[in-house]
Amino acid sequence: MTKVKITVAGTVQGVGFRYNTLKIAKHLGVFGRVWNNDDGTVGIFAQCDEQTLFNFQKRLREGNHWIRVNYLDVEAGDFEDFKDFKVI
């Protein structure tokens, strides 16, 4: 299992990004958490295998009519193991 912390910047708050992330994570089998940061970015803890992580990031970047992702900052994560994915 790979663990990463992702910071997402763009139009990602107030547009359903966290719930879209939850939907994507559940579909792909990613465990973790997603939350809004005070600076307008969104934080994600993600735990999955490498291929799933690649697909997860790809889907996050797609956005939709309201969501626009400018960049994802991905770094190694050091957090507890999760058994689900939740919006916090």
PDB file of N, CA and C in Angstrom:
ATOM      1  N   MET A   1       0.831  -1.187   0.000  1.00  0.00           N
ATOM      2  CA  MET A   1       0.000   0.000   0.000  1.00  0.00           C
ATOM      3  C   MET A   1       0.875   1.251   0.000  1.00  0.00           C
ATOM      4  N   THR A   2       0.505   2.187  -0.827  1.00  0.00           N
ATOM      5  CA  THR A   2       1.163   3.482  -0.886  1.00  0.00           C
ATOM      6  C   THR A   2       0.303   4.490  -0.142  1.00  0.00           C
ATOM      7  N   LYS A   3       0.946   5.356   0.637  1.00  0.00           N
ATOM      8  CA  LYS A   3       0.241   6.417   1.348  1.00  0.00           C
ATOM      9  C   LYS A   3       0.792   7.759   0.878  1.00  0.00           C
ATOM     10  N   VAL A   4      -0.121   8.655   0.498  1.00  0.00           N
ATOM     11  CA  VAL A   4       0.292   9.976   0.053  1.00  0.00           C
ATOM     12  C   VAL A   4      -0.607  11.050   0.657  1.00  0.00           C
ATOM     13  N   LYS A   5      -0.030  12.236   0.781  1.00  0.00           N
ATOM     14  CA  LYS A   5      -0.800  13.433   1.124  1.00  0.00           C
ATOM     15  C   LYS A   5      -0.848  14.272  -0.141  1.00  0.00           C
ATOM     16  N   ILE A   6      -2.051  14.632  -0.562  1.00  0.00           N
ATOM     17  CA  ILE A   6      -2.248  15.405  -1.781  1.00  0.00           C
ATOM     18  C   ILE A   6      -2.843  16.756  -1.398  1.00  0.00           C
ATOM     19  N   THR A   7      -2.287  17.814  -1.954  1.00  0.00           N
ATOM     20  CA  THR A   7      -2.882  19.142  -1.821  1.00  0.00           C
ATOM     21  C   THR A   7      -3.347  19.555  -3.208  1.00  0.00           C
ATOM     22  N   VAL A   8      -4.617  19.940  -3.305  1.00  0.00           N
ATOM     23  CA  VAL A   8      -5.222  20.278  -4.589  1.00  0.00           C
ATOM     24  C   VAL A   8      -5.547  21.763  -4.596  1.00  0.00           C
ATOM     25  N   ALA A   9      -5.095  22.458  -5.641  1.00  0.00           N
ATOM     26  CA  ALA A   9      -5.366  23.890  -5.783  1.00  0.00           C
ATOM     27  C   ALA A   9      -6.172  24.139  -7.044  1.00  0.00           C
ATOM     28  N   GLY A  10      -6.943  25.209  -7.016  1.00  0.00           N
ATOM     29  CA  GLY A  10      -7.785  25.588  -8.152  1.00  0.00           C
ATOM     30  C   GLY A  10      -9.139  26.017  -7.628  1.00  0.00           C
ATOM     31  N   THR A  11     -10.168  25.792  -8.415  1.00  0.00           N
ATOM     32  CA  THR A  11     -11.536  26.035  -7.969  1.00  0.00           C
ATOM     33  C   THR A  11     -12.023  24.727  -7.379  1.00  0.00           C
ATOM     34  N   VAL A  12     -11.741  24.545  -6.075  1.00  0.00           N
ATOM     35  CA  VAL A  12     -11.987  23.248  -5.436  1.00  0.00           C
ATOM     36  C   VAL A  12     -12.767  23.358  -4.130  1.00  0.00           C
ATOM     37  N   GLN A  13     -13.139  24.558  -3.728  1.00  0.00           N
ATOM     38  CA  GLN A  13     -13.978  24.717  -2.541  1.00  0.00           C
ATOM     39  C   GLN A  13     -15.303  25.353  -2.939  1.00  0.00           C
ATOM     40  N   GLY A  14     -16.384  24.838  -2.359  1.00  0.00           N
ATOM     41  CA  GLY A  14     -17.713  25.362  -2.639  1.00  0.00           C
ATOM     42  C   GLY A  14     -18.302  24.888  -3.951  1.00  0.00           C
ATOM     43  N   VAL A  15     -17.687  23.871  -4.552  1.00  0.00           N
ATOM     44  CA  VAL A  15     -18.145  23.362  -5.856  1.00  0.00           C
ATOM     45  C   VAL A  15     -18.368  21.848  -5.853  1.00  0.00           C
ATOM     46  N   GLY A  16     -18.355  21.228  -4.670  1.00  0.00           N
ATOM     47  CA  GLY A  16     -18.592  19.791  -4.573  1.00  0.00           C
ATOM     48  C   GLY A  16     -17.362  18.924  -4.777  1.00  0.00           C
ATOM     49  N   PHE A  17     -16.172  19.532  -4.738  1.00  0.00           N
ATOM     50  CA  PHE A  17     -14.950  18.757  -4.996  1.00  0.00           C
ATOM     51  C   PHE A  17     -14.757  17.627  -3.992  1.00  0.00           C
ATOM     52  N   ARG A  18     -14.981  17.890  -2.698  1.00  0.00           N
ATOM     53  CA  ARG A  18     -14.755  16.848  -1.693  1.00  0.00           C
ATOM     54  C   ARG A  18     -15.682  15.661  -1.903  1.00  0.00           C
ATOM     55  N   TYR A  19     -16.930  15.926  -2.253  1.00  0.00           N
ATOM     56  CA  TYR A  19     -17.877  14.825  -2.462  1.00  0.00           C
ATOM     57  C   TYR A  19     -17.614  14.110  -3.780  1.00  0.00           C
ATOM     58  N   ASN A  20     -17.119  14.830  -4.769  1.00  0.00           N
ATOM     59  CA  ASN A  20     -16.680  14.190  -6.008  1.00  0.00           C
ATOM     60  C   ASN A  20     -15.478  13.291  -5.727  1.00  0.00           C
ATOM     61  N   THR A  21     -14.566  13.763  -4.871  1.00  0.00           N
ATOM     62  CA  THR A  21     -13.402  12.964  -4.481  1.00  0.00           C
ATOM     63  C   THR A  21     -13.846  11.708  -3.752  1.00  0.00           C
ATOM     64  N   LEU A  22     -14.818  11.831  -2.862  1.00  0.00           N
ATOM     65  CA  LEU A  22     -15.371  10.676  -2.149  1.00  0.00           C
ATOM     66  C   LEU A  22     -15.926   9.652  -3.129  1.00  0.00           C
ATOM     67  N   LYS A  23     -16.670  10.105  -4.104  1.00  0.00           N
ATOM     68  CA  LYS A  23     -17.251   9.220  -5.122  1.00  0.00           C
ATOM     69  C   LYS A  23     -16.161   8.491  -5.908  1.00  0.00           C
ATOM     70  N   ILE A  24     -15.145   9.227  -6.330  1.00  0.00           N
ATOM     71  CA  ILE A  24     -14.032   8.628  -7.082  1.00  0.00           C
ATOM     72  C   ILE A  24     -13.303   7.598  -6.209  1.00  0.00           C
ATOM     73  N   ALA A  25     -13.014   7.967  -4.957  1.00  0.00           N
ATOM     74  CA  ALA A  25     -12.286   7.087  -4.049  1.00  0.00           C
ATOM     75  C   ALA A  25     -13.056   5.791  -3.813  1.00  0.00           C
ATOM     76  N   LYS A  26     -14.339   5.891  -3.578  1.00  0.00           N
ATOM     77  CA  LYS A  26     -15.148   4.691  -3.343  1.00  0.00           C
ATOM     78  C   LYS A  26     -15.178   3.810  -4.588  1.00  0.00           C
ATOM     79  N   HIS A  27     -15.278   4.427  -5.758  1.00  0.00           N
ATOM     80  CA  HIS A  27     -15.294   3.670  -7.019  1.00  0.00           C
ATOM     81  C   HIS A  27     -13.977   2.912  -7.245  1.00  0.00           C
ATOM     82  N   LEU A  28     -12.866   3.563  -6.911  1.00  0.00           N
ATOM     83  CA  LEU A  28     -11.549   2.956  -7.163  1.00  0.00           C
ATOM     84  C   LEU A  28     -11.032   2.102  -6.002  1.00  0.00           C
ATOM     85  N   GLY A  29     -11.629   2.225  -4.822  1.00  0.00           N
ATOM     86  CA  GLY A  29     -11.150   1.472  -3.666  1.00  0.00           C
ATOM     87  C   GLY A  29     -10.014   2.156  -2.920  1.00  0.00           C
ATOM     88  N   VAL A  30     -10.014   3.476  -2.931  1.00  0.00           N
ATOM     89  CA  VAL A  30      -9.008   4.261  -2.214  1.00  0.00           C
ATOM     90  C   VAL A  30      -9.522   4.512  -0.795  1.00  0.00           C
ATOM     91  N   PHE A  31      -8.648   4.376   0.195  1.00  0.00           N
ATOM     92  CA  PHE A  31      -8.985   4.681   1.578  1.00  0.00           C
ATOM     93  C   PHE A  31      -8.335   6.008   1.956  1.00  0.00           C
ATOM     94  N   GLY A  32      -8.984   6.767   2.863  1.00  0.00           N
ATOM     95  CA  GLY A  32      -8.364   8.004   3.312  1.00  0.00           C
ATOM     96  C   GLY A  32      -9.363   9.041   3.772  1.00  0.00           C
ATOM     97  N   ARG A  33      -8.974  10.302   3.646  1.00  0.00           N
ATOM     98  CA  ARG A  33      -9.775  11.439   4.087  1.00  0.00           C
ATOM     99  C   ARG A  33      -9.582  12.592   3.117  1.00  0.00           C
ATOM    100  N   VAL A  34     -10.586  13.472   3.043  1.00  0.00           N
ATOM    101  CA  VAL A  34     -10.495  14.692   2.248  1.00  0.00           C
ATOM    102  C   VAL A  34     -11.084  15.829   3.073  1.00  0.00           C
ATOM    103  N   TRP A  35     -10.453  17.012   3.013  1.00  0.00           N
ATOM    104  CA  TRP A  35     -10.897  18.152   3.810  1.00  0.00           C
ATOM    105  C   TRP A  35     -10.512  19.458   3.118  1.00  0.00           C
ATOM    106  N   ASN A  36     -11.222  20.539   3.494  1.00  0.00           N
ATOM    107  CA  ASN A  36     -10.880  21.881   3.028  1.00  0.00           C
ATOM    108  C   ASN A  36      -9.794  22.465   3.917  1.00  0.00           C
ATOM    109  N   ASN A  37      -8.842  23.156   3.311  1.00  0.00           N
ATOM    110  CA  ASN A  37      -7.822  23.908   4.041  1.00  0.00           C
ATOM    111  C   ASN A  37      -8.220  25.379   4.077  1.00  0.00           C
ATOM    112  N   ASP A  38      -7.723  26.106   5.061  1.00  0.00           N
ATOM    113  CA  ASP A  38      -8.045  27.523   5.221  1.00  0.00           C
ATOM    114  C   ASP A  38      -7.567  28.394   4.054  1.00  0.00           C
ATOM    115  N   ASP A  39      -6.554  27.925   3.317  1.00  0.00           N
ATOM    116  CA  ASP A  39      -5.998  28.729   2.225  1.00  0.00           C
ATOM    117  C   ASP A  39      -6.712  28.536   0.886  1.00  0.00           C
ATOM    118  N   GLY A  40      -7.826  27.802   0.885  1.00  0.00           N
ATOM    119  CA  GLY A  40      -8.593  27.594  -0.350  1.00  0.00           C
ATOM    120  C   GLY A  40      -8.241  26.328  -1.086  1.00  0.00           C
ATOM    121  N   THR A  41      -7.236  25.601  -0.616  1.00  0.00           N
ATOM    122  CA  THR A  41      -6.889  24.317  -1.222  1.00  0.00           C
ATOM    123  C   THR A  41      -7.672  23.203  -0.515  1.00  0.00           C
ATOM    124  N   VAL A  42      -7.562  22.009  -1.053  1.00  0.00           N
ATOM    125  CA  VAL A  42      -8.164  20.828  -0.433  1.00  0.00           C
ATOM    126  C   VAL A  42      -7.046  19.839  -0.141  1.00  0.00           C
ATOM    127  N   GLY A  43      -7.093  19.226   1.039  1.00  0.00           N
ATOM    128  CA  GLY A  43      -6.123  18.209   1.427  1.00  0.00           C
ATOM    129  C   GLY A  43      -6.734  16.827   1.324  1.00  0.00           C
ATOM    130  N   ILE A  44      -5.905  15.870   0.951  1.00  0.00           N
ATOM    131  CA  ILE A  44      -6.355  14.484   0.828  1.00  0.00           C
ATOM    132  C   ILE A  44      -5.276  13.569   1.392  1.00  0.00           C
ATOM    133  N   PHE A  45      -5.663  12.642   2.250  1.00  0.00           N
ATOM    134  CA  PHE A  45      -4.836  11.494   2.592  1.00  0.00           C
ATOM    135  C   PHE A  45      -5.374  10.340   1.758  1.00  0.00           C
ATOM    136  N   ALA A  46      -4.522   9.700   0.983  1.00  0.00           N
ATOM    137  CA  ALA A  46      -4.947   8.584   0.138  1.00  0.00           C
ATOM    138  C   ALA A  46      -4.045   7.390   0.368  1.00  0.00           C
ATOM    139  N   GLN A  47      -4.663   6.225   0.440  1.00  0.00           N
ATOM    140  CA  GLN A  47      -3.955   4.966   0.698  1.00  0.00           C
ATOM    141  C   GLN A  47      -4.486   3.927  -0.289  1.00  0.00           C
ATOM    142  N   CYS A  48      -3.590   3.422  -1.163  1.00  0.00           N
ATOM    143  CA  CYS A  48      -3.974   2.430  -2.169  1.00  0.00           C
ATOM    144  C   CYS A  48      -2.707   1.926  -2.859  1.00  0.00           C
ATOM    145  N   ASP A  49      -2.877   1.057  -3.849  1.00  0.00           N
ATOM    146  CA  ASP A  49      -1.714   0.591  -4.600  1.00  0.00           C
ATOM    147  C   ASP A  49      -1.321   1.642  -5.645  1.00  0.00           C
ATOM    148  N   GLU A  50      -0.145   1.486  -6.223  1.00  0.00           N
ATOM    149  CA  GLU A  50       0.425   2.483  -7.152  1.00  0.00           C
ATOM    150  C   GLU A  50      -0.470   2.743  -8.365  1.00  0.00           C
ATOM    151  N   GLN A  51      -0.979   1.704  -9.001  1.00  0.00           N
ATOM    152  CA  GLN A  51      -1.816   1.887 -10.195  1.00  0.00           C
ATOM    153  C   GLN A  51      -3.111   2.608  -9.851  1.00  0.00           C
ATOM    154  N   THR A  52      -3.712   2.232  -8.730  1.00  0.00           N
ATOM    155  CA  THR A  52      -4.937   2.901  -8.304  1.00  0.00           C
ATOM    156  C   THR A  52      -4.659   4.365  -7.985  1.00  0.00           C
ATOM    157  N   LEU A  53      -3.520   4.644  -7.363  1.00  0.00           N
ATOM    158  CA  LEU A  53      -3.136   6.027  -7.059  1.00  0.00           C
ATOM    159  C   LEU A  53      -2.996   6.843  -8.343  1.00  0.00           C
ATOM    160  N   PHE A  54      -2.398   6.263  -9.340  1.00  0.00           N
ATOM    161  CA  PHE A  54      -2.263   6.927 -10.645  1.00  0.00           C
ATOM    162  C   PHE A  54      -3.649   7.266 -11.201  1.00  0.00           C
ATOM    163  N   ASN A  55      -4.561   6.296 -11.177  1.00  0.00           N
ATOM    164  CA  ASN A  55      -5.914   6.503 -11.697  1.00  0.00           C
ATOM    165  C   ASN A  55      -6.691   7.527 -10.861  1.00  0.00           C
ATOM    166  N   PHE A  56      -6.503   7.493  -9.550  1.00  0.00           N
ATOM    167  CA  PHE A  56      -7.156   8.433  -8.643  1.00  0.00           C
ATOM    168  C   PHE A  56      -6.732   9.864  -8.977  1.00  0.00           C
ATOM    169  N   GLN A  57      -5.433  10.081  -9.117  1.00  0.00           N
ATOM    170  CA  GLN A  57      -4.931  11.420  -9.448  1.00  0.00           C
ATOM    171  C   GLN A  57      -5.441  11.878 -10.810  1.00  0.00           C
ATOM    172  N   LYS A  58      -5.463  10.977 -11.754  1.00  0.00           N
ATOM    173  CA  LYS A  58      -5.961  11.306 -13.089  1.00  0.00           C
ATOM    174  C   LYS A  58      -7.417  11.759 -13.021  1.00  0.00           C
ATOM    175  N   ARG A  59      -8.238  11.029 -12.293  1.00  0.00           N
ATOM    176  CA  ARG A  59      -9.667  11.371 -12.162  1.00  0.00           C
ATOM    177  C   ARG A  59      -9.847  12.695 -11.416  1.00  0.00           C
ATOM    178  N   LEU A  60      -9.034  12.944 -10.388  1.00  0.00           N
ATOM    179  CA  LEU A  60      -9.129  14.213  -9.660  1.00  0.00           C
ATOM    180  C   LEU A  60      -8.842  15.391 -10.578  1.00  0.00           C
ATOM    181  N   ARG A  61      -7.861  15.230 -11.457  1.00  0.00           N
ATOM    182  CA  ARG A  61      -7.460  16.320 -12.364  1.00  0.00           C
ATOM    183  C   ARG A  61      -8.540  16.658 -13.391  1.00  0.00           C
ATOM    184  N   GLU A  62      -9.421  15.705 -13.689  1.00  0.00           N
ATOM    185  CA  GLU A  62     -10.430  15.926 -14.731  1.00  0.00           C
ATOM    186  C   GLU A  62     -11.398  17.038 -14.370  1.00  0.00           C
ATOM    187  N   GLY A  63     -11.752  17.164 -13.097  1.00  0.00           N
ATOM    188  CA  GLY A  63     -12.704  18.187 -12.691  1.00  0.00           C
ATOM    189  C   GLY A  63     -14.060  17.970 -13.351  1.00  0.00           C
ATOM    190  N   ASN A  64     -14.821  19.055 -13.473  1.00  0.00           N
ATOM    191  CA  ASN A  64     -16.099  19.031 -14.178  1.00  0.00           C
ATOM    192  C   ASN A  64     -16.483  20.472 -14.496  1.00  0.00           C
ATOM    193  N   HIS A  65     -17.755  20.718 -14.749  1.00  0.00           N
ATOM    194  CA  HIS A  65     -18.212  22.058 -15.132  1.00  0.00           C
ATOM    195  C   HIS A  65     -17.864  23.112 -14.075  1.00  0.00           C
ATOM    196  N   TRP A  66     -17.919  22.752 -12.792  1.00  0.00           N
ATOM    197  CA  TRP A  66     -17.670  23.699 -11.699  1.00  0.00           C
ATOM    198  C   TRP A  66     -16.262  23.581 -11.126  1.00  0.00           C
ATOM    199  N   ILE A  67     -15.731  22.367 -11.137  1.00  0.00           N
ATOM    200  CA  ILE A  67     -14.426  22.099 -10.521  1.00  0.00           C
ATOM    201  C   ILE A  67     -13.322  22.320 -11.549  1.00  0.00           C
ATOM    202  N   ARG A  68     -12.305  23.107 -11.150  1.00  0.00           N
ATOM    203  CA  ARG A  68     -11.131  23.286 -12.004  1.00  0.00           C
ATOM    204  C   ARG A  68      -9.895  23.057 -11.141  1.00  0.00           C
ATOM    205  N   VAL A  69      -9.140  22.034 -11.460  1.00  0.00           N
ATOM    206  CA  VAL A  69      -7.931  21.697 -10.719  1.00  0.00           C
ATOM    207  C   VAL A  69      -6.739  22.309 -11.443  1.00  0.00           C
ATOM    208  N   ASN A  70      -6.020  23.198 -10.745  1.00  0.00           N
ATOM    209  CA  ASN A  70      -4.826  23.811 -11.327  1.00  0.00           C
ATOM    210  C   ASN A  70      -3.603  22.930 -11.133  1.00  0.00           C
ATOM    211  N   TYR A  71      -3.473  22.334  -9.947  1.00  0.00           N
ATOM    212  CA  TYR A  71      -2.355  21.417  -9.717  1.00  0.00           C
ATOM    213  C   TYR A  71      -2.618  20.528  -8.510  1.00  0.00           C
ATOM    214  N   LEU A  72      -1.932  19.411  -8.519  1.00  0.00           N
ATOM    215  CA  LEU A  72      -1.902  18.483  -7.380  1.00  0.00           C
ATOM    216  C   LEU A  72      -0.478  18.424  -6.878  1.00  0.00           C
ATOM    217  N   ASP A  73      -0.297  18.639  -5.598  1.00  0.00           N
ATOM    218  CA  ASP A  73       1.006  18.459  -4.962  1.00  0.00           C
ATOM    219  C   ASP A  73       0.929  17.142  -4.192  1.00  0.00           C
ATOM    220  N   VAL A  74       1.737  16.180  -4.590  1.00  0.00           N
ATOM    221  CA  VAL A  74       1.690  14.847  -3.989  1.00  0.00           C
ATOM    222  C   VAL A  74       3.000  14.577  -3.265  1.00  0.00           C
ATOM    223  N   GLU A  75       2.899  14.190  -2.000  1.00  0.00           N
ATOM    224  CA  GLU A  75       4.089  13.832  -1.225  1.00  0.00           C
ATOM    225  C   GLU A  75       3.799  12.572  -0.423  1.00  0.00           C
ATOM    226  N   ALA A  76       4.851  11.911  -0.002  1.00  0.00           N
ATOM    227  CA  ALA A  76       4.687  10.690   0.809  1.00  0.00           C
ATOM    228  C   ALA A  76       3.902  11.023   2.066  1.00  0.00           C
ATOM    229  N   GLY A  77       2.994  10.133   2.416  1.00  0.00           N
ATOM    230  CA  GLY A  77       2.163  10.338   3.593  1.00  0.00           C
ATOM    231  C   GLY A  77       2.610   9.481   4.762  1.00  0.00           C
ATOM    232  N   ASP A  78       2.444  10.009   5.954  1.00  0.00           N
ATOM    233  CA  ASP A  78       2.747   9.275   7.184  1.00  0.00           C
ATOM    234  C   ASP A  78       1.548   9.442   8.101  1.00  0.00           C
ATOM    235  N   PHE A  79       0.589   8.553   7.962  1.00  0.00           N
ATOM    236  CA  PHE A  79      -0.643   8.638   8.733  1.00  0.00           C
ATOM    237  C   PHE A  79      -1.147   7.233   9.031  1.00  0.00           C
ATOM    238  N   GLU A  80      -2.100   7.164   9.928  1.00  0.00           N
ATOM    239  CA  GLU A  80      -2.676   5.881  10.322  1.00  0.00           C
ATOM    240  C   GLU A  80      -3.322   5.193   9.126  1.00  0.00           C
ATOM    241  N   ASP A  81      -3.492   3.881   9.199  1.00  0.00           N
ATOM    242  CA  ASP A  81      -4.194   3.153   8.157  1.00  0.00           C
ATOM    243  C   ASP A  81      -5.686   3.449   8.247  1.00  0.00           C
ATOM    244  N   PHE A  82      -6.292   3.652   7.092  1.00  0.00           N
ATOM    245  CA  PHE A  82      -7.728   3.859   7.022  1.00  0.00           C
ATOM    246  C   PHE A  82      -8.391   2.621   6.426  1.00  0.00           C
ATOM    247  N   LYS A  83      -9.627   2.407   6.776  1.00  0.00           N
ATOM    248  CA  LYS A  83     -10.392   1.276   6.242  1.00  0.00           C
ATOM    249  C   LYS A  83     -11.589   1.745   5.434  1.00  0.00           C
ATOM    250  N   ASP A  84     -11.664   3.073   5.197  1.00  0.00           N
ATOM    251  CA  ASP A  84     -12.746   3.682   4.421  1.00  0.00           C
ATOM    252  C   ASP A  84     -12.266   5.020   3.902  1.00  0.00           C
ATOM    253  N   PHE A  85     -13.159   5.749   3.247  1.00  0.00           N
ATOM    254  CA  PHE A  85     -12.834   7.091   2.774  1.00  0.00           C
ATOM    255  C   PHE A  85     -13.937   8.018   3.239  1.00  0.00           C
ATOM    256  N   LYS A  86     -13.555   9.141   3.872  1.00  0.00           N
ATOM    257  CA  LYS A  86     -14.539  10.064   4.423  1.00  0.00           C
ATOM    258  C   LYS A  86     -14.190  11.510   4.138  1.00  0.00           C
ATOM    259  N   VAL A  87     -15.228  12.327   4.069  1.00  0.00           N
ATOM    260  CA  VAL A  87     -15.092  13.778   4.006  1.00  0.00           C
ATOM    261  C   VAL A  87     -15.067  14.280   5.438  1.00  0.00           C
ATOM    262  N   ILE A  88     -14.064  15.096   5.778  1.00  0.00           N
ATOM    263  CA  ILE A  88     -14.007  15.670   7.131  1.00  0.00           C
ATOM    264  C   ILE A  88     -13.942  17.174   7.065  1.00  0.00           C
TER     265      ILE A  88
END
